[in-house]
Amino acid sequence: MKITDGEQDCAEKARGAQYSYRDSLGWFMRLSCLLTVCISAWFSCVSPVEVLAEDPATETGLKVCVAEVNNQTATSLMVERMTERLVKNLRTDKVRAVKLDSSTSSARELRPTVENSEESKAQECNYVVLTQVTDPRSRPTDLGSPQISIGSGRPSTDVSDRADTVRDSMEVNFAVFRVGSPGPILDTRIVDEVSANVADSLMEAMDREGNRIERELKKKNKAR
């Protein structure tokens, strides 16, 4: 059967239309894949931000760096454990507290050391907390300074006490500085009375210090 020129022309047009349809479908599939990849990438970028926004501490941006407790007494103290206890006490739904590698200064007047300042800036902290335990006999108490007493003032005779001997009173001196500011927003001390159980007594002092600092931070940031 002989194919006319007209029929051949129609067949060529039909094949061209078929190829054109396939090309269009291929481009459509490739475009759909590209859009899927872009949308997935966008969601992966947005999700962490949304998660962070749900954390009140991130919203306020309030971060506190805690220098290691400095022991200036002749009594052996678990300063690392005391520091960790203080950090834990300062952590709330609106405050992020982190422990610094550097220790509080040995100087009588509490001021951030160069190491304290550098670490606090590197950690992007708003405040730095300094704590020093001293012997009141070696540093006479300034009667004009505020202080909080802990303990009954009488040694415990319970056989379950972990300490073998009764110790003298100690002072827990602490100060809070806004990072980059020369003056403290809080500078006070806690008098830890005579006790046979050194560990528990000083852990209680860390709790009191944490509560006092928390109140001061709330007051300062409410006024801002």
Protein backbone atom coordinates (compact mmCIF):
# COMPACT_ATOMS: atom_id res chain seq x y z
CA MET A 1 0.00 0.00 0.00
CA LYS A 2 1.42 3.28 -1.06
CA ILE A 3 1.63 6.08 1.53
CA THR A 4 0.83 9.49 0.21
CA ASP A 5 2.85 12.59 1.00
CA GLY A 6 0.02 13.93 3.16
CA GLU A 7 -0.15 10.79 5.29
CA GLN A 8 3.62 10.79 5.74
CA ASP A 9 3.52 14.41 6.83
CA CYS A 10 0.80 13.66 9.40
CA ALA A 11 2.81 10.75 10.78
CA GLU A 12 5.89 12.92 11.23
CA LYS A 13 3.82 15.55 13.04
CA ALA A 14 2.37 12.90 15.34
CA ARG A 15 5.84 11.60 16.21
CA GLY A 16 7.02 15.17 16.87
CA ALA A 17 4.09 15.79 19.19
CA GLN A 18 4.86 12.54 21.03
CA TYR A 19 8.50 13.54 21.54
CA SER A 20 7.43 17.01 22.66
CA TYR A 21 5.05 15.48 25.24
CA ARG A 22 7.81 13.23 26.59
CA ASP A 23 10.23 16.15 26.87
CA SER A 24 7.64 18.22 28.73
CA LEU A 25 6.88 15.35 31.10
CA GLY A 26 10.62 14.91 31.78
CA TRP A 27 11.07 18.59 32.57
CA PHE A 28 8.00 18.50 34.85
CA MET A 29 9.39 15.51 36.80
CA ARG A 30 12.79 17.14 37.18
CA LEU A 31 11.19 20.40 38.35
CA SER A 32 9.06 18.51 40.92
CA CYS A 33 12.15 16.78 42.33
CA LEU A 34 13.99 20.09 42.56
CA LEU A 35 11.11 21.71 44.42
CA THR A 36 10.93 18.76 46.84
CA VAL A 37 14.64 19.08 47.63
CA CYS A 38 14.37 22.84 48.17
CA ILE A 39 11.35 22.52 50.49
CA SER A 40 13.07 19.79 52.54
CA ALA A 41 16.20 21.92 52.88
CA TRP A 42 14.12 24.90 54.01
CA PHE A 43 12.35 22.89 56.71
CA SER A 44 15.66 21.46 57.94
CA CYS A 45 16.95 25.01 58.40
CA VAL A 46 13.82 26.37 60.07
CA SER A 47 13.14 23.54 62.52
CA PRO A 48 16.15 24.11 64.86
CA VAL A 49 15.25 27.79 65.14
CA GLU A 50 11.69 26.90 66.08
CA VAL A 51 12.96 24.45 68.72
CA LEU A 52 15.27 27.05 70.21
CA ALA A 53 12.46 29.57 70.32
CA GLU A 54 10.54 27.24 72.61
CA ASP A 55 13.35 27.35 75.21
CA PRO A 56 12.71 30.34 77.55
CA ALA A 57 16.41 30.54 78.42
CA THR A 58 17.20 31.07 74.72
CA GLU A 59 14.49 33.71 74.37
CA THR A 60 15.82 35.76 77.27
CA GLY A 61 19.45 35.14 76.33
CA LEU A 62 20.39 35.11 80.03
CA LYS A 63 23.49 33.02 80.60
CA VAL A 64 25.57 32.80 83.80
CA CYS A 65 29.16 31.58 84.04
CA VAL A 66 30.27 30.14 87.39
CA ALA A 67 33.96 30.17 88.32
CA GLU A 68 35.23 27.29 90.43
CA VAL A 69 35.00 27.85 94.19
CA ASN A 70 38.29 28.98 95.73
CA ASN A 71 39.15 27.45 99.12
CA GLN A 72 41.20 29.81 101.27
CA THR A 73 40.92 27.75 104.47
CA ALA A 74 43.13 25.05 105.95
CA THR A 75 40.25 22.57 105.71
CA SER A 76 40.09 20.29 102.70
CA LEU A 77 36.92 21.03 100.73
CA MET A 78 35.33 19.42 97.69
CA VAL A 79 35.36 22.61 95.63
CA GLU A 80 34.44 20.89 92.36
CA ARG A 81 31.36 19.34 93.90
CA MET A 82 30.44 22.65 95.52
CA THR A 83 30.78 24.45 92.17
CA GLU A 84 28.62 21.86 90.40
CA ARG A 85 25.99 22.22 93.11
CA LEU A 86 25.93 25.99 92.62
CA VAL A 87 25.65 25.66 88.84
CA LYS A 88 22.72 23.26 89.26
CA ASN A 89 20.99 25.66 91.66
CA LEU A 90 21.30 28.56 89.22
CA ARG A 91 19.78 26.67 86.29
CA THR A 92 16.12 27.54 85.73
CA ASP A 93 13.74 27.72 82.79
CA LYS A 94 15.03 31.25 82.16
CA VAL A 95 18.71 31.00 83.12
CA ARG A 96 21.46 28.91 81.58
CA ALA A 97 24.33 28.33 83.99
CA VAL A 98 27.69 26.85 82.96
CA LYS A 99 30.83 26.01 84.91
CA LEU A 100 34.09 27.73 83.97
CA ASP A 101 37.44 25.93 83.93
CA SER A 102 39.07 28.87 85.72
CA SER A 103 38.88 29.37 89.47
CA THR A 104 37.79 32.34 91.57
CA SER A 105 40.63 34.68 92.54
CA SER A 106 42.49 34.25 95.85
CA ALA A 107 42.42 38.02 96.40
CA ARG A 108 40.41 39.31 99.33
CA GLU A 109 38.39 41.63 97.11
CA LEU A 110 36.50 39.48 94.64
CA ARG A 111 37.08 40.53 91.04
CA PRO A 112 37.04 38.46 87.84
CA THR A 113 40.50 37.28 86.82
CA VAL A 114 41.74 37.60 83.25
CA GLU A 115 40.94 33.91 82.77
CA ASN A 116 37.42 34.39 84.20
CA SER A 117 36.76 37.31 81.87
CA GLU A 118 38.12 35.60 78.75
CA GLU A 119 36.16 32.42 79.40
CA SER A 120 32.96 34.31 80.14
CA LYS A 121 33.23 36.25 76.89
CA ALA A 122 34.03 33.08 74.94
CA GLN A 123 30.96 31.40 76.48
CA GLU A 124 28.88 34.52 75.65
CA CYS A 125 27.73 34.83 79.27
CA ASN A 126 25.85 37.82 80.64
CA TYR A 127 27.11 37.36 84.20
CA VAL A 128 29.99 35.69 86.02
CA VAL A 129 29.73 34.32 89.58
CA LEU A 130 32.74 34.23 91.92
CA THR A 131 32.86 32.24 95.19
CA GLN A 132 35.53 32.06 97.85
CA VAL A 133 35.52 30.15 101.18
CA THR A 134 37.52 31.82 103.95
CA ASP A 135 38.32 31.44 107.65
CA PRO A 136 36.81 34.35 109.63
CA ARG A 137 39.73 34.21 112.07
CA SER A 138 42.19 35.05 109.31
CA ARG A 139 39.94 37.74 107.86
CA PRO A 140 38.04 39.69 110.54
CA THR A 141 34.42 40.23 109.60
CA ASP A 142 33.39 43.62 108.29
CA LEU A 143 30.38 44.38 110.53
CA GLY A 144 28.94 46.66 107.88
CA SER A 145 28.57 43.90 105.30
CA PRO A 146 25.40 41.80 105.00
CA GLN A 147 25.66 38.14 105.91
CA ILE A 148 23.51 35.02 106.19
CA SER A 149 24.10 32.46 108.93
CA ILE A 150 23.71 28.73 108.35
CA GLY A 151 23.68 26.12 111.10
CA SER A 152 22.83 26.11 114.76
CA GLY A 153 26.30 27.08 115.95
CA ARG A 154 26.62 23.82 117.90
CA PRO A 155 28.47 20.74 116.67
CA SER A 156 26.45 17.61 115.91
CA THR A 157 27.17 14.49 117.93
CA ASP A 158 25.32 12.09 115.62
CA VAL A 159 27.51 9.06 114.94
CA SER A 160 26.37 9.11 111.32
CA ASP A 161 28.30 12.36 110.69
CA ARG A 162 31.02 11.80 108.11
CA ALA A 163 33.55 14.19 109.66
CA ASP A 164 35.75 12.97 112.49
CA THR A 165 36.34 16.33 114.09
CA VAL A 166 34.40 19.54 114.65
CA ARG A 167 35.51 22.45 112.51
CA ASP A 168 35.34 26.19 113.03
CA SER A 169 32.94 28.52 111.23
CA MET A 170 33.64 29.44 107.63
CA GLU A 171 32.58 32.31 105.41
CA VAL A 172 31.35 31.83 101.86
CA ASN A 173 32.06 35.09 100.05
CA PHE A 174 30.47 35.53 96.65
CA ALA A 175 29.99 38.21 94.03
CA VAL A 176 28.20 38.55 90.71
CA PHE A 177 29.51 40.73 87.89
CA ARG A 178 27.97 41.65 84.58
CA VAL A 179 30.52 40.57 82.00
CA GLY A 180 32.61 43.58 80.98
CA SER A 181 31.48 45.68 83.96
CA PRO A 182 34.02 46.66 86.66
CA GLY A 183 31.56 46.75 89.55
CA PRO A 184 29.54 43.85 91.05
CA ILE A 185 25.74 43.76 91.03
CA LEU A 186 25.98 41.63 94.18
CA ASP A 187 28.79 41.22 96.72
CA THR A 188 28.00 39.51 100.02
CA ARG A 189 28.79 36.49 102.20
CA ILE A 190 27.26 33.58 104.06
CA VAL A 191 28.51 32.57 107.51
CA ASP A 192 28.62 28.78 107.72
CA GLU A 193 28.49 28.05 111.45
CA VAL A 194 30.43 25.38 113.39
CA SER A 195 29.45 21.92 112.22
CA ALA A 196 30.81 18.38 112.31
CA ASN A 197 29.44 17.59 108.87
CA VAL A 198 31.47 19.75 106.52
CA ALA A 199 30.12 18.34 103.24
CA ASP A 200 26.40 18.76 103.98
CA SER A 201 26.87 22.14 105.62
CA LEU A 202 28.71 23.66 102.66
CA MET A 203 26.28 22.12 100.16
CA GLU A 204 23.55 23.99 102.03
CA ALA A 205 25.65 27.13 101.73
CA MET A 206 25.78 26.63 97.95
CA ASP A 207 22.00 26.31 97.92
CA ARG A 208 21.65 29.57 99.84
CA GLU A 209 24.10 31.30 97.55
CA GLY A 210 22.21 30.09 94.49
CA ASN A 211 18.89 31.33 95.85
CA ARG A 212 20.36 34.74 96.70
CA ILE A 213 21.89 35.14 93.24
CA GLU A 214 18.68 34.00 91.54
CA ARG A 215 16.69 36.69 93.34
CA GLU A 216 19.21 39.36 92.37
CA LEU A 217 19.20 38.32 88.70
CA LYS A 218 15.41 38.40 88.59
CA LYS A 219 15.40 41.87 90.11
CA LYS A 220 18.06 43.22 87.75
CA ASN A 221 16.51 41.78 84.59
CA LYS A 222 12.99 42.86 85.54
CA ALA A 223 14.24 46.43 85.74
CA ARG A 224 15.82 46.28 82.27
